[in-house]
């Protein structure tokens, strides 16, 4: 609800006068901050919601390509226990394609990788990896200021999925354990119920 309200207000402001948050430049760099939350559930559970406070650096090239680096500024980053799925990330790197770029409002698609540290952002199978894919809306309030909101489905990393499957197998074979363990499905790992919703403010140089 907060994201919808702020986005609606930004849209109204954006329609007054000329505003392009430096979208006309060949290349531009922006810094920003935002708040939101991560909702993620282990298979068979209802899920938990974790507050996210991000700092962002966003690079734009030719008005329709972008790269966003996000750092979670809080201490409450979701971490997976033994055999659990990893959804949270201290850092996220996202490739962005502005599929509907205008001088006032731009709609974009994005996808990338999360990790516990910078090194994991360039790997796909580290313990702290997760992946995300989704879309966002960037509303330009002036030549240098924009409000951005995004929804990303979060997918656990290959390493944590592998550990989860192994844990299920061990549970099935442990004496006194479950005789029958449900076979995991794609829906246990890829689901829009696991998502990160954010709203941010950017200052472009």
C-alpha atoms as a PDB file:
ATOM      1  CA  UNK A   1       0.000   0.000   0.000  1.00  0.00           C
ATOM      2  CA  UNK A   2       2.854   2.404   0.857  1.00  0.00           C
ATOM      3  CA  UNK A   3       4.546   1.702  -2.475  1.00  0.00           C
ATOM      4  CA  UNK A   4       1.296   2.290  -4.388  1.00  0.00           C
ATOM      5  CA  UNK A   5       0.573   5.560  -2.593  1.00  0.00           C
ATOM      6  CA  UNK A   6       4.061   6.998  -3.092  1.00  0.00           C
ATOM      7  CA  UNK A   7       4.160   5.876  -6.709  1.00  0.00           C
ATOM      8  CA  UNK A   8       0.800   7.518  -7.418  1.00  0.00           C
ATOM      9  CA  UNK A   9       1.989  10.763  -5.831  1.00  0.00           C
ATOM     10  CA  UNK A  10       5.189  10.656  -7.837  1.00  0.00           C
ATOM     11  CA  UNK A  11       3.247  10.115 -11.050  1.00  0.00           C
ATOM     12  CA  UNK A  12       1.198  13.236 -10.397  1.00  0.00           C
ATOM     13  CA  UNK A  13       4.324  15.275  -9.720  1.00  0.00           C
ATOM     14  CA  UNK A  14       6.067  13.867 -12.778  1.00  0.00           C
ATOM     15  CA  UNK A  15       3.338  15.064 -15.105  1.00  0.00           C
ATOM     16  CA  UNK A  16       3.921  18.699 -14.126  1.00  0.00           C
ATOM     17  CA  UNK A  17       6.649  20.308 -16.217  1.00  0.00           C
ATOM     18  CA  UNK A  18       9.683  18.668 -17.795  1.00  0.00           C
ATOM     19  CA  UNK A  19      11.365  15.870 -15.856  1.00  0.00           C
ATOM     20  CA  UNK A  20      13.832  13.326 -17.099  1.00  0.00           C
ATOM     21  CA  UNK A  21      16.268  12.434 -14.238  1.00  0.00           C
ATOM     22  CA  UNK A  22      19.104  12.756 -16.739  1.00  0.00           C
ATOM     23  CA  UNK A  23      17.541  10.038 -18.922  1.00  0.00           C
ATOM     24  CA  UNK A  24      18.635  12.007 -21.984  1.00  0.00           C
ATOM     25  CA  UNK A  25      22.328  11.478 -21.206  1.00  0.00           C
ATOM     26  CA  UNK A  26      24.360   8.810 -22.974  1.00  0.00           C
ATOM     27  CA  UNK A  27      25.629   7.610 -19.605  1.00  0.00           C
ATOM     28  CA  UNK A  28      24.724   8.697 -16.086  1.00  0.00           C
ATOM     29  CA  UNK A  29      25.271   7.508 -12.534  1.00  0.00           C
ATOM     30  CA  UNK A  30      22.790   7.692  -9.694  1.00  0.00           C
ATOM     31  CA  UNK A  31      22.914   7.057  -5.961  1.00  0.00           C
ATOM     32  CA  UNK A  32      19.867   6.251  -3.908  1.00  0.00           C
ATOM     33  CA  UNK A  33      18.298   4.679  -0.886  1.00  0.00           C
ATOM     34  CA  UNK A  34      15.116   2.739  -0.330  1.00  0.00           C
ATOM     35  CA  UNK A  35      12.971   0.691   1.998  1.00  0.00           C
ATOM     36  CA  UNK A  36      10.839  -2.387   1.495  1.00  0.00           C
ATOM     37  CA  UNK A  37      10.563  -5.972   2.560  1.00  0.00           C
ATOM     38  CA  UNK A  38      11.464  -9.509   1.586  1.00  0.00           C
ATOM     39  CA  UNK A  39       8.787 -12.184   1.924  1.00  0.00           C
ATOM     40  CA  UNK A  40      10.089 -15.742   1.636  1.00  0.00           C
ATOM     41  CA  UNK A  41       8.876 -19.169   2.691  1.00  0.00           C
ATOM     42  CA  UNK A  42      10.585 -22.497   3.099  1.00  0.00           C
ATOM     43  CA  UNK A  43       8.623 -25.336   1.388  1.00  0.00           C
ATOM     44  CA  UNK A  44       5.523 -26.211   3.382  1.00  0.00           C
ATOM     45  CA  UNK A  45       5.738 -23.085   5.565  1.00  0.00           C
ATOM     46  CA  UNK A  46       3.795 -19.828   5.545  1.00  0.00           C
ATOM     47  CA  UNK A  47       6.905 -17.666   5.262  1.00  0.00           C
ATOM     48  CA  UNK A  48       8.499 -14.707   7.032  1.00  0.00           C
ATOM     49  CA  UNK A  49       8.712 -11.027   6.191  1.00  0.00           C
ATOM     50  CA  UNK A  50      12.033  -9.229   6.640  1.00  0.00           C
ATOM     51  CA  UNK A  51      12.487  -5.452   6.520  1.00  0.00           C
ATOM     52  CA  UNK A  52      14.979  -4.278   3.875  1.00  0.00           C
ATOM     53  CA  UNK A  53      16.819  -0.944   3.935  1.00  0.00           C
ATOM     54  CA  UNK A  54      18.927  -0.510   0.806  1.00  0.00           C
ATOM     55  CA  UNK A  55      21.622   1.774  -0.455  1.00  0.00           C
ATOM     56  CA  UNK A  56      21.859   1.784  -4.272  1.00  0.00           C
ATOM     57  CA  UNK A  57      24.190   2.806  -7.059  1.00  0.00           C
ATOM     58  CA  UNK A  58      22.612   2.733 -10.531  1.00  0.00           C
ATOM     59  CA  UNK A  59      24.344   3.165 -13.870  1.00  0.00           C
ATOM     60  CA  UNK A  60      22.302   4.080 -16.956  1.00  0.00           C
ATOM     61  CA  UNK A  61      23.562   3.748 -20.515  1.00  0.00           C
ATOM     62  CA  UNK A  62      21.809   5.038 -23.668  1.00  0.00           C
ATOM     63  CA  UNK A  63      18.557   5.588 -21.709  1.00  0.00           C
ATOM     64  CA  UNK A  64      17.424   1.956 -22.058  1.00  0.00           C
ATOM     65  CA  UNK A  65      20.112  -0.101 -20.277  1.00  0.00           C
ATOM     66  CA  UNK A  66      21.053  -0.088 -16.627  1.00  0.00           C
ATOM     67  CA  UNK A  67      22.996  -1.834 -13.898  1.00  0.00           C
ATOM     68  CA  UNK A  68      21.966  -1.558 -10.252  1.00  0.00           C
ATOM     69  CA  UNK A  69      24.058  -2.442  -7.197  1.00  0.00           C
ATOM     70  CA  UNK A  70      22.095  -2.728  -3.947  1.00  0.00           C
ATOM     71  CA  UNK A  71      23.501  -3.082  -0.438  1.00  0.00           C
ATOM     72  CA  UNK A  72      21.258  -4.043   2.475  1.00  0.00           C
ATOM     73  CA  UNK A  73      22.131  -1.532   5.192  1.00  0.00           C
ATOM     74  CA  UNK A  74      20.411  -3.471   7.969  1.00  0.00           C
ATOM     75  CA  UNK A  75      21.608  -6.271  10.215  1.00  0.00           C
ATOM     76  CA  UNK A  76      18.536  -8.469   9.781  1.00  0.00           C
ATOM     77  CA  UNK A  77      19.429 -10.139   6.452  1.00  0.00           C
ATOM     78  CA  UNK A  78      17.740 -13.519   5.997  1.00  0.00           C
ATOM     79  CA  UNK A  79      20.261 -16.365   6.173  1.00  0.00           C
ATOM     80  CA  UNK A  80      19.515 -20.032   5.616  1.00  0.00           C
ATOM     81  CA  UNK A  81      20.139 -22.653   8.279  1.00  0.00           C
ATOM     82  CA  UNK A  82      21.399 -26.144   7.431  1.00  0.00           C
ATOM     83  CA  UNK A  83      19.195 -27.637   4.726  1.00  0.00           C
ATOM     84  CA  UNK A  84      17.149 -24.457   4.232  1.00  0.00           C
ATOM     85  CA  UNK A  85      16.752 -22.301   1.136  1.00  0.00           C
ATOM     86  CA  UNK A  86      18.644 -19.028   0.795  1.00  0.00           C
ATOM     87  CA  UNK A  87      16.498 -16.057  -0.260  1.00  0.00           C
ATOM     88  CA  UNK A  88      18.025 -13.065   1.487  1.00  0.00           C
ATOM     89  CA  UNK A  89      21.102 -11.225   0.239  1.00  0.00           C
ATOM     90  CA  UNK A  90      23.412  -8.627   1.724  1.00  0.00           C
ATOM     91  CA  UNK A  91      24.097  -7.420  -1.819  1.00  0.00           C
ATOM     92  CA  UNK A  92      22.230  -7.643  -5.117  1.00  0.00           C
ATOM     93  CA  UNK A  93      23.440  -6.915  -8.652  1.00  0.00           C
ATOM     94  CA  UNK A  94      20.700  -6.342 -11.218  1.00  0.00           C
ATOM     95  CA  UNK A  95      20.811  -5.888 -14.993  1.00  0.00           C
ATOM     96  CA  UNK A  96      18.027  -3.556 -16.131  1.00  0.00           C
ATOM     97  CA  UNK A  97      16.343  -3.062 -19.510  1.00  0.00           C
ATOM     98  CA  UNK A  98      14.125   0.020 -19.803  1.00  0.00           C
ATOM     99  CA  UNK A  99      11.552  -1.412 -22.196  1.00  0.00           C
ATOM    100  CA  UNK A 100       9.364   1.711 -22.105  1.00  0.00           C
ATOM    101  CA  UNK A 101      11.732   4.674 -21.592  1.00  0.00           C
ATOM    102  CA  UNK A 102      10.226   8.168 -21.602  1.00  0.00           C
ATOM    103  CA  UNK A 103      11.351  11.537 -20.251  1.00  0.00           C
ATOM    104  CA  UNK A 104       8.940  11.313 -17.291  1.00  0.00           C
ATOM    105  CA  UNK A 105       8.231   7.664 -16.510  1.00  0.00           C
ATOM    106  CA  UNK A 106      10.078   4.499 -17.486  1.00  0.00           C
ATOM    107  CA  UNK A 107       9.043   0.864 -17.081  1.00  0.00           C
ATOM    108  CA  UNK A 108      11.844  -1.657 -16.804  1.00  0.00           C
ATOM    109  CA  UNK A 109      12.543  -5.372 -16.507  1.00  0.00           C
ATOM    110  CA  UNK A 110      15.356  -6.596 -14.325  1.00  0.00           C
ATOM    111  CA  UNK A 111      17.138  -9.711 -13.197  1.00  0.00           C
ATOM    112  CA  UNK A 112      20.283 -10.614 -11.334  1.00  0.00           C
ATOM    113  CA  UNK A 113      22.036 -12.339  -8.498  1.00  0.00           C
ATOM    114  CA  UNK A 114      22.327 -11.812  -4.753  1.00  0.00           C
ATOM    115  CA  UNK A 115      25.114 -12.754  -2.401  1.00  0.00           C
ATOM    116  CA  UNK A 116      26.525 -12.449   1.089  1.00  0.00           C
ATOM    117  CA  UNK A 117      29.529 -10.512  -0.213  1.00  0.00           C
ATOM    118  CA  UNK A 118      30.792  -8.870  -3.404  1.00  0.00           C
ATOM    119  CA  UNK A 119      32.579 -12.010  -4.595  1.00  0.00           C
ATOM    120  CA  UNK A 120      29.334 -13.997  -4.661  1.00  0.00           C
ATOM    121  CA  UNK A 121      27.736 -11.481  -7.031  1.00  0.00           C
ATOM    122  CA  UNK A 122      29.886 -12.892  -9.812  1.00  0.00           C
ATOM    123  CA  UNK A 123      29.150 -16.541  -9.039  1.00  0.00           C
ATOM    124  CA  UNK A 124      26.011 -18.609  -9.462  1.00  0.00           C
ATOM    125  CA  UNK A 125      26.532 -21.475  -7.037  1.00  0.00           C
ATOM    126  CA  UNK A 126      27.954 -19.999  -3.832  1.00  0.00           C
ATOM    127  CA  UNK A 127      26.290 -20.716  -0.463  1.00  0.00           C
ATOM    128  CA  UNK A 128      24.946 -17.168  -0.195  1.00  0.00           C
ATOM    129  CA  UNK A 129      23.568 -16.926  -3.723  1.00  0.00           C
ATOM    130  CA  UNK A 130      19.976 -16.194  -4.617  1.00  0.00           C
ATOM    131  CA  UNK A 131      18.501 -14.947  -7.888  1.00  0.00           C
ATOM    132  CA  UNK A 132      15.812 -12.407  -8.659  1.00  0.00           C
ATOM    133  CA  UNK A 133      13.725 -11.395 -11.649  1.00  0.00           C
ATOM    134  CA  UNK A 134      10.920  -8.902 -12.029  1.00  0.00           C
ATOM    135  CA  UNK A 135       9.959  -5.397 -13.051  1.00  0.00           C
ATOM    136  CA  UNK A 136       9.946  -1.832 -11.852  1.00  0.00           C
ATOM    137  CA  UNK A 137       8.737   1.691 -12.522  1.00  0.00           C
ATOM    138  CA  UNK A 138      10.960   4.752 -12.390  1.00  0.00           C
ATOM    139  CA  UNK A 139       9.235   8.123 -12.108  1.00  0.00           C
ATOM    140  CA  UNK A 140      11.300  11.251 -12.825  1.00  0.00           C
ATOM    141  CA  UNK A 141      10.558  14.214 -10.576  1.00  0.00           C
ATOM    142  CA  UNK A 142      13.207  16.489 -12.079  1.00  0.00           C
ATOM    143  CA  UNK A 143      16.346  16.347 -14.193  1.00  0.00           C
ATOM    144  CA  UNK A 144      18.279  14.651 -11.396  1.00  0.00           C
ATOM    145  CA  UNK A 145      15.720  13.087  -9.029  1.00  0.00           C
ATOM    146  CA  UNK A 146      13.561   9.996  -9.477  1.00  0.00           C
ATOM    147  CA  UNK A 147      11.346   7.705  -7.415  1.00  0.00           C
ATOM    148  CA  UNK A 148      11.650   4.020  -8.184  1.00  0.00           C
ATOM    149  CA  UNK A 149       9.544   1.040  -7.158  1.00  0.00           C
ATOM    150  CA  UNK A 150      10.221  -2.599  -8.008  1.00  0.00           C
ATOM    151  CA  UNK A 151       8.870  -6.102  -7.512  1.00  0.00           C
ATOM    152  CA  UNK A 152      11.315  -8.986  -7.827  1.00  0.00           C
ATOM    153  CA  UNK A 153      10.521 -12.663  -7.469  1.00  0.00           C
ATOM    154  CA  UNK A 154      13.367 -14.197  -5.457  1.00  0.00           C
ATOM    155  CA  UNK A 155      14.687 -17.675  -6.273  1.00  0.00           C
ATOM    156  CA  UNK A 156      17.029 -19.620  -3.961  1.00  0.00           C
ATOM    157  CA  UNK A 157      20.556 -20.317  -5.155  1.00  0.00           C
ATOM    158  CA  UNK A 158      21.644 -23.595  -6.690  1.00  0.00           C
ATOM    159  CA  UNK A 159      23.782 -24.426  -3.658  1.00  0.00           C
ATOM    160  CA  UNK A 160      20.940 -24.037  -1.153  1.00  0.00           C
ATOM    161  CA  UNK A 161      18.532 -25.992  -3.394  1.00  0.00           C
ATOM    162  CA  UNK A 162      21.073 -28.813  -3.569  1.00  0.00           C
ATOM    163  CA  UNK A 163      21.499 -28.772   0.217  1.00  0.00           C
ATOM    164  CA  UNK A 164      17.732 -28.784   0.688  1.00  0.00           C
ATOM    165  CA  UNK A 165      17.287 -31.816  -1.563  1.00  0.00           C
ATOM    166  CA  UNK A 166      20.097 -33.644   0.266  1.00  0.00           C
ATOM    167  CA  UNK A 167      18.504 -32.830   3.625  1.00  0.00           C
ATOM    168  CA  UNK A 168      15.191 -34.278   2.450  1.00  0.00           C
ATOM    169  CA  UNK A 169      16.952 -37.457   1.347  1.00  0.00           C
ATOM    170  CA  UNK A 170      18.764 -37.776   4.688  1.00  0.00           C
ATOM    171  CA  UNK A 171      15.508 -37.253   6.577  1.00  0.00           C
ATOM    172  CA  UNK A 172      13.863 -40.040   4.592  1.00  0.00           C
ATOM    173  CA  UNK A 173      16.706 -42.458   5.297  1.00  0.00           C
ATOM    174  CA  UNK A 174      17.281 -41.604   8.962  1.00  0.00           C
ATOM    175  CA  UNK A 175      16.042 -44.264  11.421  1.00  0.00           C
ATOM    176  CA  UNK A 176      12.932 -42.951  13.082  1.00  0.00           C
ATOM    177  CA  UNK A 177      12.610 -40.289  10.423  1.00  0.00           C
ATOM    178  CA  UNK A 178       9.809 -39.785   7.974  1.00  0.00           C
ATOM    179  CA  UNK A 179       9.002 -42.945   6.014  1.00  0.00           C
ATOM    180  CA  UNK A 180       7.751 -40.952   3.063  1.00  0.00           C
ATOM    181  CA  UNK A 181       9.102 -37.550   2.051  1.00  0.00           C
ATOM    182  CA  UNK A 182       7.227 -35.573  -0.576  1.00  0.00           C
ATOM    183  CA  UNK A 183       9.183 -35.179  -3.779  1.00  0.00           C
ATOM    184  CA  UNK A 184      10.142 -31.491  -4.190  1.00  0.00           C
ATOM    185  CA  UNK A 185       8.651 -29.680  -7.171  1.00  0.00           C
ATOM    186  CA  UNK A 186       9.697 -26.606  -9.148  1.00  0.00           C
ATOM    187  CA  UNK A 187       7.021 -24.664  -7.292  1.00  0.00           C
ATOM    188  CA  UNK A 188       8.877 -25.278  -4.030  1.00  0.00           C
ATOM    189  CA  UNK A 189      11.769 -23.201  -5.350  1.00  0.00           C
ATOM    190  CA  UNK A 190      10.323 -20.842  -7.981  1.00  0.00           C
ATOM    191  CA  UNK A 191       7.241 -19.006  -6.767  1.00  0.00           C
ATOM    192  CA  UNK A 192       5.947 -15.410  -6.896  1.00  0.00           C
ATOM    193  CA  UNK A 193       5.105 -15.859  -3.198  1.00  0.00           C
ATOM    194  CA  UNK A 194       8.808 -15.336  -2.554  1.00  0.00           C
ATOM    195  CA  UNK A 195       9.502 -11.735  -3.453  1.00  0.00           C
ATOM    196  CA  UNK A 196      11.173  -8.454  -2.604  1.00  0.00           C
ATOM    197  CA  UNK A 197       9.159  -5.225  -2.859  1.00  0.00           C
ATOM    198  CA  UNK A 198      11.056  -1.929  -2.736  1.00  0.00           C
ATOM    199  CA  UNK A 199      10.581   1.808  -3.137  1.00  0.00           C
ATOM    200  CA  UNK A 200      13.619   4.082  -3.602  1.00  0.00           C
ATOM    201  CA  UNK A 201      14.664   7.664  -4.232  1.00  0.00           C
ATOM    202  CA  UNK A 202      17.580   8.334  -6.618  1.00  0.00           C
ATOM    203  CA  UNK A 203      19.774  11.344  -7.237  1.00  0.00           C
ATOM    204  CA  UNK A 204      21.406  11.224 -10.687  1.00  0.00           C
ATOM    205  CA  UNK A 205      24.602  13.155 -11.274  1.00  0.00           C
END
